[in-house]
Amino acid sequence: MTTIKDSVHDHIEVEGVAADLLDTPPVQRLRRITQLGTVSLVYPSANHTRFEHSLGVYHLADRALDHLDIGGKRAERVRAAAVLHDVGHSPFSHNVEGVVERHTGKRHDDVDGLLAEGRVARVLDDHDLDPANIASLVAGDGELAQLVAGELDVDRMDYLVRDAHHTGVPYGTIDHERLLRALTFIDGELVLDEGNVQTAESLLLARALMNPTVYSHHVARISKSMLRRATERLLDTTEMTAEQLRRMDDHELSVALRSHDETAETGTRLAERDLFKRAVWAEMGDVDDDVVGADHDAVREFERDIAADAGVEPEHVVLDVRGEPSMRESTTGVLVGGEVRRLDEQSTLVNALQVAQREQWRLGVYAPADGVESVGKATERVLGLETEGALVTEVNTPGRYASLDDF
């Protein structure tokens, strides 16, 4: 048995297949993949890694298995999946996942190829575990997969607490111990036991508060968008393949971006935190439906049109548009009067959070500081925005310490 001191869960005891998997190259690579990507440009202490998070997910999965009285080979499969659930992540975690998926068709939970060969495959074989079975659990297939890839999964329980701890933001604090004790299976569905509507609400409330404060903070969105654009240009203008990119770590991608002419400017801007500014920050009600639902190619066309209208270089306009907001956790099952009900059908708080989520939605258009005004006005013309409130003027004053809102 190996005991590891963790900043969130204190001491984590790792044994069996989980302990043997820790020192395999795909898992050790996660030490070089930051959990929150470019969020550290907002919260400097948010430098925790996918490796730490994977240990936390293993720990909570192990606790859940004990509570549910699941043992033997079934439990070992879940423990292995918990350790391995993030090995498919690209550099900077979710930040460039969309770029990789467009080129390879693979998301971070598509790990079949990573588990089928090399040291991971040998470790799983030594413990009489089928790599394909473990990959299916990571992808969310099967009853026990709900523990690591479902609405009530231990993945979510760990990252909320861990991200709150490392950013110093209190909103992600949840009672994960009670959540674990409340888990039960009803007809193959993982739900929360009787009397735990508020427990489920706390999880969604934490997520709803962390989203605008951390995950969707405007500087995190700007830097993430710049990173994605630069990564796309890297693949378009070099011989690097998306499969090679997928297995890089944060440092390798950062160096690659700064080393190639077509991406050097953005790579240097990200390294020096010389970021684009908001030219537009518009609410959903001010944006046409065809823009909200725009796919990758349509977004690029909008960017070219905005740049041409503003008289700036195409690479100096970044349109950051998200689809309709969703709250997957709202379908969580809870026992009420002996009957399993969806949380969003039982909780008025969840309905209010869904409304708040739509109100928090923003379309962003970003440009270098000297192009903010022209790009903002061009965006209004090209996208047909009718609100003056969509335009944003951001000024950096040399030598001035900014407030959190400025960041």
Protein backbone atom coordinates (compact mmCIF):
# COMPACT_ATOMS: atom_id res chain seq x y z
CA MET A 1 0.00 0.00 0.00
CA THR A 2 1.14 3.54 -0.83
CA THR A 3 0.00 6.53 1.25
CA ILE A 4 0.01 9.93 -0.47
CA LYS A 5 -0.52 13.29 1.24
CA ASP A 6 -3.13 15.28 -0.66
CA SER A 7 -3.99 18.96 -0.26
CA VAL A 8 -7.73 18.25 -0.32
CA HIS A 9 -8.37 14.77 1.07
CA ASP A 10 -5.38 14.62 3.45
CA HIS A 11 -3.98 11.06 3.26
CA ILE A 12 -4.94 8.86 0.32
CA GLU A 13 -4.14 5.16 0.54
CA VAL A 14 -3.54 3.56 -2.84
CA GLU A 15 -3.19 -0.17 -3.38
CA GLY A 16 -3.85 -2.93 -5.88
CA VAL A 17 -4.19 -2.06 -9.55
CA ALA A 18 -4.45 1.67 -8.75
CA ALA A 19 -1.02 1.71 -7.09
CA ASP A 20 0.56 -0.14 -10.02
CA LEU A 21 -1.00 2.25 -12.53
CA LEU A 22 0.36 5.40 -10.87
CA ASP A 23 3.88 5.05 -12.28
CA THR A 24 2.86 4.28 -15.87
CA PRO A 25 3.84 7.00 -18.39
CA PRO A 26 0.26 8.00 -19.36
CA VAL A 27 -0.64 8.62 -15.72
CA GLN A 28 2.65 10.38 -14.89
CA ARG A 29 2.08 12.65 -17.91
CA LEU A 30 -0.90 14.06 -16.01
CA ARG A 31 1.57 15.75 -13.64
CA ARG A 32 2.30 18.07 -16.58
CA ILE A 33 -1.32 18.79 -17.51
CA THR A 34 -2.90 21.57 -15.44
CA GLN A 35 -6.42 20.94 -14.24
CA LEU A 36 -7.75 24.39 -15.14
CA GLY A 37 -5.59 25.32 -18.12
CA THR A 38 -5.35 29.08 -18.54
CA VAL A 39 -7.39 29.85 -15.39
CA SER A 40 -4.04 30.31 -13.64
CA LEU A 41 -3.78 33.62 -15.53
CA VAL A 42 -6.68 34.77 -13.32
CA TYR A 43 -5.96 32.80 -10.14
CA PRO A 44 -2.17 32.35 -9.86
CA SER A 45 -2.42 29.48 -7.36
CA ALA A 46 -4.59 27.39 -9.71
CA ASN A 47 -1.65 25.27 -10.84
CA HIS A 48 -2.97 21.91 -9.65
CA THR A 49 -2.74 19.06 -12.11
CA ARG A 50 -4.79 16.27 -13.58
CA PHE A 51 -2.58 13.84 -11.63
CA GLU A 52 -3.71 15.29 -8.29
CA HIS A 53 -7.30 15.24 -9.46
CA SER A 54 -7.03 11.61 -10.59
CA LEU A 55 -5.79 10.64 -7.13
CA GLY A 56 -8.77 12.45 -5.62
CA VAL A 57 -11.21 10.71 -7.95
CA TYR A 58 -9.68 7.35 -7.04
CA HIS A 59 -10.00 8.17 -3.33
CA LEU A 60 -13.67 9.16 -3.59
CA ALA A 61 -14.46 6.18 -5.84
CA ASP A 62 -12.87 3.87 -3.29
CA ARG A 63 -15.00 5.42 -0.51
CA ALA A 64 -18.15 5.11 -2.62
CA LEU A 65 -17.45 1.46 -3.40
CA ASP A 66 -17.07 0.71 0.33
CA HIS A 67 -20.34 2.48 1.11
CA LEU A 68 -22.17 0.62 -1.67
CA ASP A 69 -20.62 -2.68 -0.53
CA ILE A 70 -19.14 -3.36 -3.96
CA GLY A 71 -15.96 -5.44 -3.91
CA GLY A 72 -13.87 -7.91 -5.81
CA LYS A 73 -13.10 -7.59 -9.50
CA ARG A 74 -16.00 -5.17 -10.09
CA ALA A 75 -14.51 -2.72 -7.60
CA GLU A 76 -11.01 -3.07 -9.05
CA ARG A 77 -12.35 -2.14 -12.49
CA VAL A 78 -13.87 1.06 -11.08
CA ARG A 79 -10.66 1.91 -9.19
CA ALA A 80 -8.62 1.44 -12.37
CA ALA A 81 -11.06 3.59 -14.34
CA ALA A 82 -10.85 6.30 -11.67
CA VAL A 83 -7.06 6.49 -11.94
CA LEU A 84 -7.14 6.38 -15.75
CA HIS A 85 -10.21 8.53 -16.46
CA ASP A 86 -8.17 11.60 -17.53
CA VAL A 87 -5.25 10.04 -19.44
CA GLY A 88 -6.88 11.06 -22.73
CA HIS A 89 -6.68 14.77 -21.97
CA SER A 90 -4.89 17.07 -24.38
CA PRO A 91 -2.52 19.82 -23.17
CA PHE A 92 -4.22 22.44 -20.99
CA SER A 93 -7.06 19.98 -20.30
CA HIS A 94 -10.35 21.01 -21.95
CA ASN A 95 -8.90 24.17 -23.49
CA VAL A 96 -7.90 22.60 -26.82
CA GLU A 97 -10.06 19.47 -26.67
CA GLY A 98 -12.39 20.81 -29.37
CA VAL A 99 -9.45 21.36 -31.74
CA VAL A 100 -8.25 17.79 -31.24
CA GLU A 101 -11.75 16.36 -31.61
CA ARG A 102 -12.31 18.10 -34.96
CA HIS A 103 -9.13 16.52 -36.33
CA THR A 104 -9.29 13.06 -34.71
CA GLY A 105 -12.91 12.51 -33.70
CA LYS A 106 -11.66 11.70 -30.20
CA ARG A 107 -12.61 13.32 -26.93
CA HIS A 108 -10.66 13.03 -23.68
CA ASP A 109 -12.74 10.03 -22.58
CA ASP A 110 -11.88 8.05 -25.73
CA VAL A 111 -9.02 6.10 -24.20
CA ASP A 112 -9.27 2.67 -25.84
CA GLY A 113 -6.02 3.07 -27.77
CA LEU A 114 -4.15 4.44 -24.76
CA LEU A 115 -5.08 1.46 -22.56
CA ALA A 116 -4.68 -1.30 -25.13
CA GLU A 117 -0.86 -1.28 -25.29
CA GLY A 118 2.27 -0.42 -23.36
CA ARG A 119 2.71 -0.44 -19.59
CA VAL A 120 -0.92 0.37 -18.82
CA ALA A 121 -2.06 -2.71 -20.74
CA ARG A 122 0.53 -4.85 -18.95
CA VAL A 123 -0.55 -3.61 -15.51
CA LEU A 124 -4.21 -4.28 -16.29
CA ASP A 125 -3.31 -7.74 -17.62
CA ASP A 126 -1.31 -8.50 -14.45
CA HIS A 127 -4.49 -7.81 -12.46
CA ASP A 128 -6.66 -9.81 -14.88
CA LEU A 129 -8.50 -6.70 -16.08
CA ASP A 130 -9.61 -6.16 -19.69
CA PRO A 131 -8.42 -2.77 -21.07
CA ALA A 132 -11.54 -2.51 -23.26
CA ASN A 133 -13.73 -2.94 -20.19
CA ILE A 134 -11.88 -0.18 -18.32
CA ALA A 135 -12.09 2.12 -21.37
CA SER A 136 -15.85 1.55 -21.48
CA LEU A 137 -16.17 2.60 -17.85
CA VAL A 138 -14.17 5.77 -18.56
CA ALA A 139 -16.50 6.50 -21.49
CA GLY A 140 -19.53 6.14 -19.22
CA ASP A 141 -20.81 2.76 -20.39
CA GLY A 142 -22.27 0.38 -17.83
CA GLU A 143 -23.95 0.64 -14.44
CA LEU A 144 -20.81 1.19 -12.38
CA ALA A 145 -19.55 3.79 -14.87
CA GLN A 146 -22.02 6.17 -13.24
CA LEU A 147 -19.61 6.45 -10.33
CA VAL A 148 -16.86 7.99 -12.48
CA ALA A 149 -18.77 9.37 -15.51
CA GLY A 150 -22.34 10.20 -14.53
CA GLU A 151 -24.48 12.98 -13.11
CA LEU A 152 -23.45 12.09 -9.54
CA ASP A 153 -19.89 11.04 -10.32
CA VAL A 154 -16.94 11.36 -7.98
CA ASP A 155 -15.08 13.21 -10.75
CA ARG A 156 -17.37 16.20 -10.25
CA MET A 157 -17.20 15.92 -6.45
CA ASP A 158 -13.42 16.11 -6.50
CA TYR A 159 -12.88 18.85 -9.07
CA LEU A 160 -15.33 21.27 -7.46
CA VAL A 161 -13.65 21.01 -4.06
CA ARG A 162 -10.14 20.91 -5.52
CA ASP A 163 -10.66 23.86 -7.88
CA ALA A 164 -12.17 25.93 -5.06
CA HIS A 165 -9.24 25.06 -2.80
CA HIS A 166 -6.57 26.02 -5.33
CA THR A 167 -8.23 29.18 -6.59
CA GLY A 168 -9.12 30.33 -3.08
CA VAL A 169 -12.75 30.72 -4.16
CA PRO A 170 -15.20 29.43 -1.50
CA TYR A 171 -18.14 28.69 -3.79
CA GLY A 172 -17.13 25.16 -4.82
CA THR A 173 -17.19 23.81 -1.28
CA ILE A 174 -19.54 20.83 -1.05
CA ASP A 175 -20.18 18.13 1.53
CA HIS A 176 -18.75 15.31 -0.55
CA GLU A 177 -18.75 12.96 2.44
CA ARG A 178 -22.53 13.24 2.73
CA LEU A 179 -22.90 12.91 -1.03
CA LEU A 180 -20.95 9.64 -0.94
CA ARG A 181 -23.02 8.29 1.96
CA ALA A 182 -26.25 9.21 0.17
CA LEU A 183 -25.45 7.25 -3.01
CA THR A 184 -27.54 4.19 -3.78
CA PHE A 185 -28.50 2.10 -6.82
CA ILE A 186 -32.18 1.78 -7.72
CA ASP A 187 -32.92 -0.46 -10.72
CA GLY A 188 -29.42 0.12 -12.03
CA GLU A 189 -29.58 3.91 -11.66
CA LEU A 190 -27.24 5.73 -9.28
CA VAL A 191 -29.38 8.12 -7.22
CA LEU A 192 -29.34 9.93 -3.91
CA ASP A 193 -31.16 8.28 -1.02
CA GLU A 194 -34.29 9.61 0.65
CA GLY A 195 -34.01 13.05 2.25
CA ASN A 196 -31.16 14.31 0.09
CA VAL A 197 -32.76 16.83 -2.25
CA GLN A 198 -30.77 19.60 -0.54
CA THR A 199 -27.59 17.53 -0.85
CA ALA A 200 -28.08 17.33 -4.60
CA GLU A 201 -28.96 21.02 -4.77
CA SER A 202 -25.70 21.89 -3.04
CA LEU A 203 -23.74 20.22 -5.83
CA LEU A 204 -25.54 22.19 -8.52
CA LEU A 205 -25.31 25.43 -6.57
CA ALA A 206 -21.56 25.00 -6.18
CA ARG A 207 -21.20 24.36 -9.91
CA ALA A 208 -23.41 27.33 -10.77
CA LEU A 209 -21.34 29.68 -8.60
CA MET A 210 -17.98 28.38 -9.78
CA ASN A 211 -18.89 28.77 -13.44
CA PRO A 212 -18.92 32.60 -13.78
CA THR A 213 -16.31 33.10 -11.06
CA VAL A 214 -13.72 30.56 -12.24
CA TYR A 215 -14.53 28.41 -15.26
CA SER A 216 -16.09 31.16 -17.41
CA HIS A 217 -14.27 34.19 -16.01
CA HIS A 218 -13.77 36.51 -18.97
CA VAL A 219 -9.96 36.42 -18.80
CA ALA A 220 -10.05 32.61 -18.71
CA ARG A 221 -12.30 32.68 -21.77
CA ILE A 222 -10.08 35.15 -23.62
CA SER A 223 -6.87 33.21 -22.97
CA LYS A 224 -8.57 29.89 -23.74
CA SER A 225 -9.86 31.26 -27.06
CA MET A 226 -6.44 32.62 -27.99
CA LEU A 227 -4.85 29.26 -27.14
CA ARG A 228 -7.35 27.42 -29.32
CA ARG A 229 -6.82 29.70 -32.31
CA ALA A 230 -3.04 29.39 -32.04
CA THR A 231 -3.26 25.60 -31.72
CA GLU A 232 -5.39 25.42 -34.86
CA ARG A 233 -2.83 27.49 -36.76
CA LEU A 234 -0.08 25.23 -35.46
CA LEU A 235 -1.79 22.20 -36.97
CA ASP A 236 -2.60 24.05 -40.21
CA THR A 237 0.88 25.46 -40.83
CA THR A 238 3.25 22.74 -39.55
CA GLU A 239 3.69 19.01 -40.01
CA MET A 240 2.47 18.34 -36.48
CA THR A 241 -0.52 16.00 -36.37
CA ALA A 242 -3.48 16.19 -34.01
CA GLU A 243 -2.53 12.76 -32.62
CA GLN A 244 0.92 14.08 -31.74
CA LEU A 245 -0.63 17.18 -30.21
CA ARG A 246 -3.01 15.06 -28.16
CA ARG A 247 -0.13 13.40 -26.32
CA MET A 248 1.87 16.57 -25.62
CA ASP A 249 1.87 18.25 -22.24
CA ASP A 250 1.31 21.92 -21.37
CA HIS A 251 4.98 22.86 -21.54
CA GLU A 252 5.55 21.16 -24.89
CA LEU A 253 2.60 22.92 -26.50
CA SER A 254 3.65 26.29 -25.07
CA VAL A 255 7.15 25.91 -26.52
CA ALA A 256 5.80 24.73 -29.87
CA LEU A 257 3.54 27.78 -30.15
CA ARG A 258 6.41 30.17 -29.47
CA SER A 259 8.75 28.32 -31.84
CA HIS A 260 6.77 28.69 -35.08
CA ASP A 261 6.38 31.92 -37.01
CA GLU A 262 2.62 31.58 -37.53
CA THR A 263 1.90 31.12 -33.82
CA ALA A 264 4.79 32.91 -32.13
CA GLU A 265 2.89 36.14 -31.48
CA THR A 266 0.01 34.44 -29.68
CA GLY A 267 2.32 32.00 -27.92
CA THR A 268 4.36 34.90 -26.56
CA ARG A 269 1.25 36.85 -25.59
CA LEU A 270 -0.01 33.88 -23.56
CA ALA A 271 3.38 33.32 -21.93
CA GLU A 272 3.62 37.01 -20.95
CA ARG A 273 -0.09 37.45 -20.16
CA ASP A 274 -0.37 40.13 -22.84
CA LEU A 275 -3.93 39.16 -23.68
CA PHE A 276 -6.56 40.43 -26.07
CA LYS A 277 -9.32 42.58 -24.56
CA ARG A 278 -13.08 42.39 -24.79
CA ALA A 279 -14.49 44.34 -27.71
CA VAL A 280 -17.96 42.87 -27.20
CA TRP A 281 -19.52 41.10 -24.24
CA ALA A 282 -23.16 40.49 -25.17
CA GLU A 283 -26.08 38.81 -23.44
CA MET A 284 -28.00 35.98 -25.10
CA GLY A 285 -31.07 38.13 -25.74
CA ASP A 286 -28.99 40.50 -27.86
CA VAL A 287 -27.58 37.78 -30.11
CA ASP A 288 -29.33 36.19 -33.11
CA ASP A 289 -30.07 32.46 -32.88
CA ASP A 290 -27.92 31.72 -35.94
CA VAL A 291 -24.93 33.15 -34.09
CA VAL A 292 -25.64 31.27 -30.84
CA GLY A 293 -25.85 28.02 -32.78
CA ALA A 294 -22.94 28.75 -35.14
CA ASP A 295 -20.58 25.87 -35.87
CA HIS A 296 -16.80 26.12 -36.19
CA ASP A 297 -16.78 27.10 -39.87
CA ALA A 298 -19.50 29.72 -39.39
CA VAL A 299 -17.61 31.26 -36.47
CA ARG A 300 -14.47 31.55 -38.59
CA GLU A 301 -16.45 33.24 -41.37
CA PHE A 302 -17.92 35.72 -38.90
CA GLU A 303 -14.39 36.49 -37.66
CA ARG A 304 -13.14 37.16 -41.20
CA ASP A 305 -16.11 39.42 -41.92
CA ILE A 306 -15.60 41.36 -38.67
CA ALA A 307 -11.88 41.77 -39.36
CA ALA A 308 -12.54 43.01 -42.91
CA ASP A 309 -15.15 45.49 -41.66
CA ALA A 310 -12.84 46.74 -38.90
CA GLY A 311 -9.77 46.92 -41.15
CA VAL A 312 -7.64 44.65 -38.95
CA GLU A 313 -5.75 41.41 -39.52
CA PRO A 314 -8.01 38.32 -39.37
CA GLU A 315 -5.94 36.78 -36.56
CA HIS A 316 -6.66 39.85 -34.44
CA VAL A 317 -10.36 39.01 -34.10
CA VAL A 318 -11.53 36.15 -31.91
CA LEU A 319 -15.23 35.33 -31.70
CA ASP A 320 -16.04 33.28 -28.60
CA VAL A 321 -19.59 31.96 -28.89
CA ARG A 322 -21.08 29.20 -26.80
CA GLY A 323 -24.12 27.09 -27.55
CA GLU A 324 -27.30 27.00 -25.51
CA PRO A 325 -26.45 26.56 -21.82
CA SER A 326 -27.23 23.17 -20.29
CA MET A 327 -27.18 21.72 -16.79
CA ARG A 328 -26.64 17.99 -17.10
CA GLU A 329 -26.63 17.55 -13.33
CA SER A 330 -30.26 18.68 -13.15
CA THR A 331 -31.32 15.19 -14.27
CA THR A 332 -29.84 13.69 -11.09
CA GLY A 333 -32.17 11.13 -9.55
CA VAL A 334 -33.29 11.55 -5.93
CA LEU A 335 -35.57 9.36 -3.84
CA VAL A 336 -38.68 11.21 -2.70
CA GLY A 337 -41.36 9.21 -0.91
CA GLY A 338 -39.84 5.98 -2.17
CA GLU A 339 -39.99 7.16 -5.80
CA VAL A 340 -37.03 8.21 -7.97
CA ARG A 341 -37.59 11.71 -9.31
CA ARG A 342 -35.47 14.01 -11.45
CA LEU A 343 -34.00 16.84 -9.42
CA ASP A 344 -35.19 19.51 -11.85
CA GLU A 345 -38.75 18.23 -11.38
CA GLN A 346 -38.47 18.34 -7.61
CA SER A 347 -36.39 21.45 -6.89
CA THR A 348 -37.43 25.05 -7.45
CA LEU A 349 -33.81 26.03 -6.73
CA VAL A 350 -32.58 24.04 -9.72
CA ASN A 351 -35.10 25.76 -11.96
CA ALA A 352 -33.85 29.14 -10.69
CA LEU A 353 -30.24 28.09 -11.38
CA GLN A 354 -31.17 27.17 -14.95
CA VAL A 355 -32.64 30.65 -15.43
CA ALA A 356 -29.51 32.22 -13.91
CA GLN A 357 -27.36 30.16 -16.24
CA ARG A 358 -29.06 31.69 -19.27
CA GLU A 359 -28.73 35.16 -17.79
CA GLN A 360 -24.99 34.61 -17.26
CA TRP A 361 -24.43 33.53 -20.89
CA ARG A 362 -22.19 35.91 -22.83
CA LEU A 363 -20.90 36.18 -26.36
CA GLY A 364 -17.36 37.51 -26.42
CA VAL A 365 -15.37 39.15 -29.19
CA TYR A 366 -11.72 39.82 -28.40
CA ALA A 367 -9.01 41.91 -30.04
CA PRO A 368 -5.68 43.58 -29.21
CA ALA A 369 -6.12 46.68 -27.06
CA ASP A 370 -5.57 49.11 -29.94
CA GLY A 371 -8.27 47.43 -32.03
CA VAL A 372 -11.00 47.07 -29.42
CA GLU A 373 -13.13 50.02 -30.52
CA SER A 374 -13.07 49.33 -34.26
CA VAL A 375 -13.63 45.59 -33.76
CA GLY A 376 -16.49 46.23 -31.35
CA LYS A 377 -18.34 48.48 -33.79
CA ALA A 378 -17.65 46.13 -36.68
CA THR A 379 -19.05 43.23 -34.68
CA GLU A 380 -22.29 45.10 -34.05
CA ARG A 381 -22.67 45.69 -37.78
CA VAL A 382 -21.71 42.17 -38.90
CA LEU A 383 -23.65 40.24 -36.25
CA GLY A 384 -26.55 42.65 -36.07
CA LEU A 385 -26.17 43.37 -32.36
CA GLU A 386 -28.52 46.14 -31.29
CA THR A 387 -27.39 46.84 -27.74
CA GLU A 388 -24.92 49.56 -26.90
CA GLY A 389 -24.23 47.62 -23.69
CA ALA A 390 -22.54 44.91 -25.74
CA LEU A 391 -19.57 47.17 -26.45
CA VAL A 392 -16.80 47.03 -23.88
CA THR A 393 -13.82 49.33 -23.56
CA GLU A 394 -10.93 47.89 -21.58
CA VAL A 395 -7.86 49.96 -20.84
CA ASN A 396 -4.66 48.79 -19.26
CA THR A 397 -2.93 51.56 -17.38
CA PRO A 398 0.81 50.89 -16.96
CA GLY A 399 1.81 50.53 -13.34
CA ARG A 400 -1.75 50.20 -12.08
CA TYR A 401 -2.85 47.22 -10.01
CA ALA A 402 -6.21 46.04 -11.31
CA SER A 403 -9.11 44.72 -9.30
CA LEU A 404 -10.36 41.16 -9.71
CA ASP A 405 -13.03 42.44 -12.10
CA ASP A 406 -10.30 43.82 -14.36
CA PHE A 407 -8.64 40.42 -14.51
